[in-house]
Protein backbone atom coordinates (compact mmCIF):
# COMPACT_ATOMS: atom_id res chain seq x y z
CA MET A 1 81.27 9.30 -2.48
CA ALA A 2 78.71 12.00 -3.14
CA ILE A 3 74.94 12.22 -2.77
CA ILE A 4 73.38 14.33 -5.51
CA ASN A 5 70.13 16.29 -5.31
CA GLU A 6 67.18 16.45 -7.69
CA ALA A 7 68.63 19.29 -9.77
CA ALA A 8 71.87 17.42 -10.50
CA PHE A 9 70.01 14.19 -11.19
CA LYS A 10 67.55 15.90 -13.50
CA SER A 11 70.40 17.58 -15.38
CA ARG A 12 72.18 14.27 -15.87
CA ILE A 13 69.08 12.47 -17.14
CA LYS A 14 68.29 15.34 -19.50
CA THR A 15 71.58 14.77 -21.31
CA GLY A 16 70.67 11.12 -21.82
CA SER A 17 73.51 9.94 -19.57
CA LEU A 18 71.71 7.22 -17.64
CA PRO A 19 73.40 5.80 -14.54
CA ASN A 20 74.15 2.11 -14.51
CA VAL A 21 72.99 1.94 -10.89
CA CYS A 22 70.75 4.42 -9.06
CA VAL A 23 70.40 4.34 -5.28
CA MET A 24 67.31 6.46 -4.61
CA PHE A 25 66.04 7.65 -1.22
CA GLY A 26 64.53 10.73 0.42
CA GLU A 27 61.29 12.07 1.92
CA ASP A 28 59.37 12.90 -1.27
CA ALA A 29 57.49 9.89 -2.62
CA TYR A 30 56.13 11.89 -5.56
CA LEU A 31 59.61 12.68 -6.84
CA LYS A 32 60.73 9.08 -6.42
CA ASP A 33 57.68 7.92 -8.39
CA MET A 34 58.38 10.51 -11.08
CA TYR A 35 62.04 9.62 -11.56
CA THR A 36 61.66 5.84 -11.38
CA GLU A 37 58.94 6.19 -14.02
CA LYS A 38 61.15 8.45 -16.13
CA LEU A 39 64.08 6.02 -15.98
CA SER A 40 61.72 3.23 -16.95
CA ARG A 41 60.38 5.15 -19.97
CA MET A 42 63.95 5.80 -21.12
CA THR A 43 64.86 2.10 -20.89
CA ALA A 44 61.98 -0.39 -20.77
CA GLY A 45 58.33 0.15 -19.90
CA LYS A 46 56.25 -2.00 -17.56
CA ASP A 47 54.65 -3.77 -20.51
CA ASP A 48 58.03 -5.04 -21.67
CA VAL A 49 57.99 -8.49 -20.03
CA PHE A 50 61.55 -9.22 -21.11
CA ASN A 51 63.33 -6.03 -20.12
CA TYR A 52 61.34 -4.66 -17.16
CA GLN A 53 61.61 -6.49 -13.85
CA SER A 54 60.66 -5.43 -10.33
CA PHE A 55 61.66 -7.02 -7.02
CA GLU A 56 60.63 -6.42 -3.41
CA ASN A 57 62.23 -6.96 0.00
CA GLY A 58 62.54 -10.67 0.77
CA CYS A 59 63.08 -11.61 -2.86
CA ASN A 60 65.58 -14.20 -4.06
CA LEU A 61 68.82 -12.27 -4.61
CA GLN A 62 69.94 -14.84 -7.16
CA ALA A 63 66.94 -13.86 -9.30
CA VAL A 64 67.99 -10.20 -9.02
CA TYR A 65 71.56 -11.13 -9.98
CA ASP A 66 70.36 -13.08 -13.02
CA SER A 67 68.17 -10.18 -14.09
CA VAL A 68 70.80 -7.41 -13.93
CA THR A 69 73.55 -9.47 -15.56
CA GLN A 70 71.53 -10.62 -18.55
CA MET A 71 71.61 -8.59 -21.75
CA PRO A 72 68.45 -6.86 -23.01
CA VAL A 73 66.16 -8.87 -25.26
CA MET A 74 65.34 -7.16 -28.58
CA SER A 75 66.07 -3.78 -27.00
CA ASP A 76 68.97 -1.45 -26.30
CA LYS A 77 68.29 -1.21 -22.57
CA LYS A 78 66.65 -3.04 -19.71
CA TYR A 79 65.31 -1.79 -16.38
CA VAL A 80 65.44 -3.56 -13.02
CA ILE A 81 64.16 -2.08 -9.75
CA LEU A 82 64.61 -3.43 -6.22
CA ASN A 83 62.20 -1.81 -3.75
CA ASP A 84 62.95 -1.40 -0.05
CA TYR A 85 65.46 -4.19 0.34
CA ASN A 86 66.34 -4.01 4.04
CA PHE A 87 70.10 -4.05 3.72
CA GLU A 88 70.53 -2.98 7.36
CA LYS A 89 68.81 -6.04 8.81
CA CYS A 90 69.80 -8.70 6.28
CA SER A 91 72.62 -11.14 6.98
CA LYS A 92 76.21 -10.27 6.12
CA SER A 93 76.22 -12.85 3.34
CA ASP A 94 73.06 -11.32 1.79
CA PHE A 95 74.52 -7.83 2.05
CA ASP A 96 77.74 -9.00 0.37
CA ARG A 97 75.59 -10.60 -2.31
CA LEU A 98 73.75 -7.32 -2.86
CA CYS A 99 77.07 -5.52 -3.31
CA GLU A 100 78.14 -8.21 -5.77
CA ILE A 101 74.94 -7.64 -7.75
CA ILE A 102 75.69 -3.92 -8.00
CA GLU A 103 79.25 -4.64 -9.13
CA ASN A 104 78.07 -6.88 -11.96
CA VAL A 105 75.19 -4.90 -13.48
CA ASP A 106 75.28 -5.22 -17.27
CA PRO A 107 76.34 -1.97 -19.03
CA ASP A 108 73.02 -1.95 -20.90
CA CYS A 109 70.94 -2.26 -17.72
CA VAL A 110 69.70 0.46 -15.36
CA PHE A 111 69.40 -0.98 -11.85
CA VAL A 112 67.43 1.11 -9.33
CA LEU A 113 67.52 0.51 -5.57
CA ARG A 114 64.62 2.54 -4.21
CA PHE A 115 63.97 3.09 -0.51
CA ASP A 116 60.64 4.29 0.92
CA ILE A 117 60.01 2.34 4.13
CA VAL A 118 63.61 1.49 5.00
CA GLU A 119 65.06 4.40 6.97
CA ILE A 120 68.35 5.69 5.60
CA ASP A 121 71.03 7.26 7.78
CA ALA A 122 73.39 8.46 5.07
CA LYS A 123 75.90 9.92 7.53
CA LYS A 124 76.22 7.07 10.02
CA SER A 125 75.29 3.84 8.21
CA ALA A 126 78.43 1.93 7.21
CA ARG A 127 76.40 -0.38 4.99
CA PHE A 128 74.75 2.49 3.14
CA LYS A 129 78.14 4.07 2.55
CA LYS A 130 79.32 0.75 1.14
CA LEU A 131 76.32 0.63 -1.24
CA MET A 132 77.12 4.17 -2.39
CA SER A 133 80.76 3.31 -2.96
CA VAL A 134 80.07 0.13 -4.90
CA SER A 135 77.42 1.89 -6.98
CA GLU A 136 79.75 4.78 -7.83
CA LYS A 137 82.49 2.39 -8.96
CA ASN A 138 80.06 0.84 -11.43
CA GLY A 139 78.92 4.13 -12.99
CA GLY A 140 76.12 4.66 -10.52
CA VAL A 141 74.73 7.57 -8.51
CA THR A 142 73.07 8.05 -5.14
CA VAL A 143 70.27 10.60 -5.25
CA GLN A 144 68.37 12.09 -2.32
CA LEU A 145 64.91 13.29 -3.30
CA ASP A 146 63.55 15.51 -0.54
CA HIS A 147 60.75 18.05 -0.74
CA ARG A 148 61.48 20.87 -3.14
CA SER A 149 62.34 24.32 -1.85
CA ALA A 150 59.59 26.90 -1.44
CA SER A 151 60.69 28.76 -4.58
CA GLU A 152 60.67 25.53 -6.63
CA LEU A 153 57.21 24.64 -5.37
CA VAL A 154 55.94 28.13 -6.20
CA LYS A 155 57.21 27.80 -9.76
CA MET A 156 55.68 24.34 -10.07
CA LEU A 157 52.28 25.67 -9.00
CA THR A 158 52.30 28.83 -11.13
CA ASP A 159 53.44 26.86 -14.20
CA GLY A 160 50.90 24.13 -13.47
CA ALA A 161 48.07 26.64 -13.22
CA LYS A 162 49.10 28.19 -16.55
CA LYS A 163 49.04 24.78 -18.27
CA ARG A 164 45.50 24.30 -16.98
CA GLY A 165 44.33 27.64 -18.39
CA CYS A 166 44.40 29.56 -15.10
CA VAL A 167 46.56 32.24 -13.53
CA MET A 168 48.18 31.86 -10.12
CA SER A 169 50.38 34.56 -8.62
CA PRO A 170 53.48 33.61 -6.59
CA SER A 171 51.82 34.98 -3.45
CA ALA A 172 48.78 32.74 -4.00
CA ALA A 173 51.09 29.77 -4.60
CA ARG A 174 52.92 30.45 -1.34
CA LEU A 175 49.59 30.63 0.49
CA LEU A 176 48.62 27.22 -0.92
CA ILE A 177 51.94 25.75 0.28
CA GLU A 178 51.43 27.22 3.74
CA THR A 179 47.84 25.93 3.78
CA SER A 180 48.26 22.40 2.39
CA GLY A 181 51.91 21.61 3.11
CA GLU A 182 54.96 20.79 0.99
CA ASP A 183 53.97 17.32 -0.25
CA ILE A 184 53.90 17.47 -4.05
CA ASN A 185 51.15 14.86 -4.38
CA THR A 186 48.89 16.94 -2.14
CA LEU A 187 49.77 20.20 -3.90
CA ALA A 188 49.13 18.69 -7.34
CA SER A 189 45.73 17.44 -6.19
CA GLU A 190 44.82 20.79 -4.62
CA LEU A 191 45.95 22.68 -7.73
CA GLU A 192 43.74 20.49 -9.91
CA LYS A 193 40.79 21.22 -7.62
CA LEU A 194 41.49 24.96 -7.53
CA CYS A 195 41.78 25.22 -11.32
CA PHE A 196 38.41 23.51 -11.69
CA TYR A 197 36.96 25.87 -9.07
CA ALA A 198 38.45 29.00 -10.70
CA HIS A 199 37.16 27.84 -14.11
CA GLY A 200 39.83 29.52 -16.24
CA SER A 201 40.16 32.68 -14.17
CA GLU A 202 42.80 33.75 -11.66
CA ILE A 203 43.23 31.64 -8.53
CA ILE A 204 43.03 34.10 -5.65
CA GLU A 205 43.54 33.81 -1.90
CA LYS A 206 39.79 33.52 -1.27
CA HIS A 207 39.63 30.42 -3.50
CA ILE A 208 42.43 28.80 -1.49
CA GLU A 209 40.78 29.67 1.82
CA ASN A 210 37.46 28.21 0.63
CA VAL A 211 38.65 25.09 -1.18
CA ALA A 212 42.15 23.96 -0.19
CA VAL A 213 42.66 21.28 2.45
CA LYS A 214 44.38 22.67 5.55
CA THR A 215 47.10 20.84 7.44
CA VAL A 216 47.16 21.01 11.22
CA GLU A 217 50.20 23.28 10.89
CA ALA A 218 48.21 25.59 8.62
CA SER A 219 45.36 25.77 11.13
CA VAL A 220 47.83 26.69 13.84
CA TYR A 221 49.46 29.30 11.56
CA GLU A 222 46.00 30.73 10.97
CA LEU A 223 45.66 31.17 14.73
CA SER A 224 48.86 33.23 14.98
CA SER A 225 47.95 35.26 11.87
CA PHE A 226 44.62 36.24 13.44
CA ILE A 227 46.45 37.33 16.60
CA PHE A 228 48.81 39.57 14.62
CA SER A 229 45.91 41.05 12.65
CA ARG A 230 44.05 41.70 15.95
CA ARG A 231 41.06 39.53 14.98
CA THR A 232 40.33 38.10 18.41
CA GLY A 233 37.05 36.41 17.48
CA GLU A 234 38.57 34.50 14.56
CA ALA A 235 41.57 33.49 16.70
CA LEU A 236 39.27 32.06 19.37
CA ARG A 237 37.30 30.19 16.68
CA VAL A 238 40.48 28.54 15.42
CA LEU A 239 41.38 27.68 19.01
CA ASP A 240 38.01 25.90 19.26
CA ASP A 241 38.85 23.91 16.13
CA LEU A 242 42.27 22.91 17.46
CA PHE A 243 40.82 21.64 20.73
CA PHE A 244 38.12 19.80 18.77
CA MET A 245 40.93 18.07 16.82
CA HIS A 246 42.57 17.15 20.17
CA ILE A 247 45.78 19.00 19.33
CA LYS A 248 48.11 18.88 22.33
CA PRO A 249 48.45 22.18 24.26
CA VAL A 250 52.25 22.12 23.92
CA PHE A 251 51.87 22.10 20.13
CA ILE A 252 49.46 25.04 20.21
CA TYR A 253 51.76 26.95 22.57
CA ASN A 254 54.80 26.37 20.38
CA ALA A 255 52.87 27.55 17.34
CA ILE A 256 51.79 30.78 19.06
CA SER A 257 55.22 31.51 20.54
CA SER A 258 57.41 30.57 17.52
CA PRO A 259 56.53 33.67 15.43
CA TYR A 260 57.53 35.83 18.41
CA VAL A 261 60.87 34.01 18.61
CA ASP A 262 61.36 34.62 14.87
CA MET A 263 60.59 38.32 15.36
CA TYR A 264 62.97 38.69 18.29
CA ARG A 265 65.79 37.03 16.34
CA LEU A 266 65.24 39.39 13.44
CA TYR A 267 64.94 42.40 15.76
CA ALA A 268 68.22 41.53 17.50
CA PHE A 269 70.05 40.94 14.22
CA LYS A 270 68.82 44.23 12.76
CA LYS A 271 70.16 46.04 15.83
CA SER A 272 73.54 44.44 15.06
CA GLY A 273 73.43 45.57 11.43
CA LEU A 274 72.52 42.15 10.04
CA GLY A 275 69.54 41.10 7.92
CA ARG A 276 67.05 38.35 7.08
CA ALA A 277 69.55 36.15 5.25
CA ASP A 278 71.82 36.18 8.31
CA VAL A 279 68.95 35.05 10.55
CA ALA A 280 67.96 32.27 8.17
CA LYS A 281 71.54 31.00 7.91
CA THR A 282 72.41 31.28 11.62
CA PHE A 283 69.31 29.44 12.81
CA ASN A 284 69.17 26.90 9.93
CA TYR A 285 65.72 27.82 8.61
CA GLY A 286 66.51 26.03 5.34
CA ARG A 287 63.39 25.62 3.20
CA LYS A 288 61.39 27.49 5.85
CA ASP A 289 63.18 30.77 5.28
CA PHE A 290 59.76 32.24 4.45
CA LEU A 291 59.23 32.35 8.23
CA VAL A 292 61.86 35.09 8.42
CA ASP A 293 59.98 37.09 5.76
CA ARG A 294 56.79 36.61 7.74
CA ALA A 295 58.59 37.79 10.88
CA ALA A 296 59.71 40.94 9.07
CA LYS A 297 56.13 41.70 8.12
CA ASN A 298 54.84 41.09 11.66
CA LEU A 299 57.66 43.14 13.16
CA GLN A 300 56.28 46.26 11.48
CA SER A 301 53.60 46.37 14.21
CA PHE A 302 56.08 45.95 17.07
CA ASP A 303 58.66 47.89 19.02
CA PHE A 304 60.87 46.59 21.84
CA LYS A 305 58.23 47.35 24.47
CA LYS A 306 55.55 45.35 22.67
CA LEU A 307 57.96 42.45 22.17
CA SER A 308 58.90 42.49 25.86
CA LEU A 309 55.27 42.57 27.01
CA SER A 310 54.38 39.78 24.59
CA PHE A 311 57.16 37.53 25.86
CA ARG A 312 56.08 38.23 29.45
CA ALA A 313 52.54 37.11 28.56
CA LEU A 314 53.91 34.01 26.82
CA LEU A 315 56.07 33.11 29.84
CA GLU A 316 53.11 33.53 32.20
CA ALA A 317 51.02 31.24 29.98
CA ASP A 318 53.81 28.68 29.87
CA GLY A 319 53.98 28.64 33.65
CA ALA A 320 50.20 28.34 33.93
CA LEU A 321 50.12 25.40 31.49
CA LYS A 322 52.70 23.59 33.59
CA THR A 323 50.74 24.18 36.80
CA SER A 324 48.69 21.25 37.98
CA GLY A 325 44.97 21.90 37.72
CA SER A 326 45.17 24.70 35.15
CA ASP A 327 42.63 24.61 32.34
CA ALA A 328 44.61 24.80 29.09
CA ARG A 329 41.74 26.22 27.09
CA THR A 330 41.25 29.11 29.55
CA VAL A 331 45.00 29.78 29.57
CA PHE A 332 45.05 30.07 25.77
CA GLU A 333 41.93 32.24 25.64
CA GLN A 334 43.49 34.66 28.11
CA LEU A 335 46.82 34.59 26.24
CA ILE A 336 45.15 35.45 22.92
CA VAL A 337 43.32 38.41 24.45
CA LYS A 338 46.54 39.66 26.11
CA LEU A 339 48.62 39.38 22.92
CA VAL A 340 46.02 41.15 20.79
CA TYR A 341 45.69 43.93 23.39
CA ILE A 342 49.47 44.44 23.46
CA ILE A 343 49.58 44.83 19.66
CA ALA A 344 46.61 47.20 19.65
CA LYS A 345 47.44 49.37 22.70
CA GLY A 346 51.12 48.81 23.42
CA GLU A 347 50.26 48.05 27.05
CA ALA A 348 49.63 44.96 29.12
CA VAL A 349 46.00 44.19 29.99
CA ASP A 350 46.67 44.65 33.73
CA LYS A 351 47.94 48.17 33.05
CA ALA A 352 44.82 49.25 31.21
């Protein structure tokens, strides 16, 4: 039993080799929408009342069975989709019935089991493994559609800008991803807005800063970027915004300290003769391997002494935040000033 990714699924569909059964799950709703729609267009559209049928959780499984076992009407193919059937919580008899349905799908039917709300544990769920096995035996596939990698998203954005008569550099595309997140629906919407704003010209970083919607993560990243660029005033302004949004202090602290952890990892690996790829692999950065590249850039302003002083300031702030009666806002304001001073002077504030 194998779970395929988007690239393998896309390649298979491109050849016209449609699966008899498709078990579809994953974190990216946009991709699931796109591929269910694509499978439908290649078989039977929503306007085809005879050959397109959709079912939801709680439906009559006999009706689903009748639908997938009947031959297409005045067409070569038919399309049946079952959305979010809760196979984990249904009775054993209903689960066995679902497996029987999969086993008996007509060769000219494409049967899609799509999961959005139902949580899938592909490694531990015995029932999910059974669905995969039954599907595979009947010419089916199980596809996991998670968010695309950073490089894939960059290509999607640069190509999308070109189609809309604009130019977007890879660096600008990466900034948009960092600003608005990895959700494709959000990125597509922001790209549309940016192309309208740029009006046929190049989309530059200033456009993204002025127009694009920021995630909380992006706001927090902006805080750390201002610290590294020694822009104390802007860093304190972002801190104001984060407290206004009622972001928990632990989240803000983790966001400030994480880039320093990334830098120390890279620093230690370089001393051992290893590089960025080794750091990314060892610490499972996955699609966030751009954080290692960012750490390399930030590390240019640091030596071991600055790193040591910065970690001391971070540890002192951590202790203060855990002390009863401490004002978190004051702790963060002092931490920002200390970190900026260390970068600028290479000394702790109390040594000045």
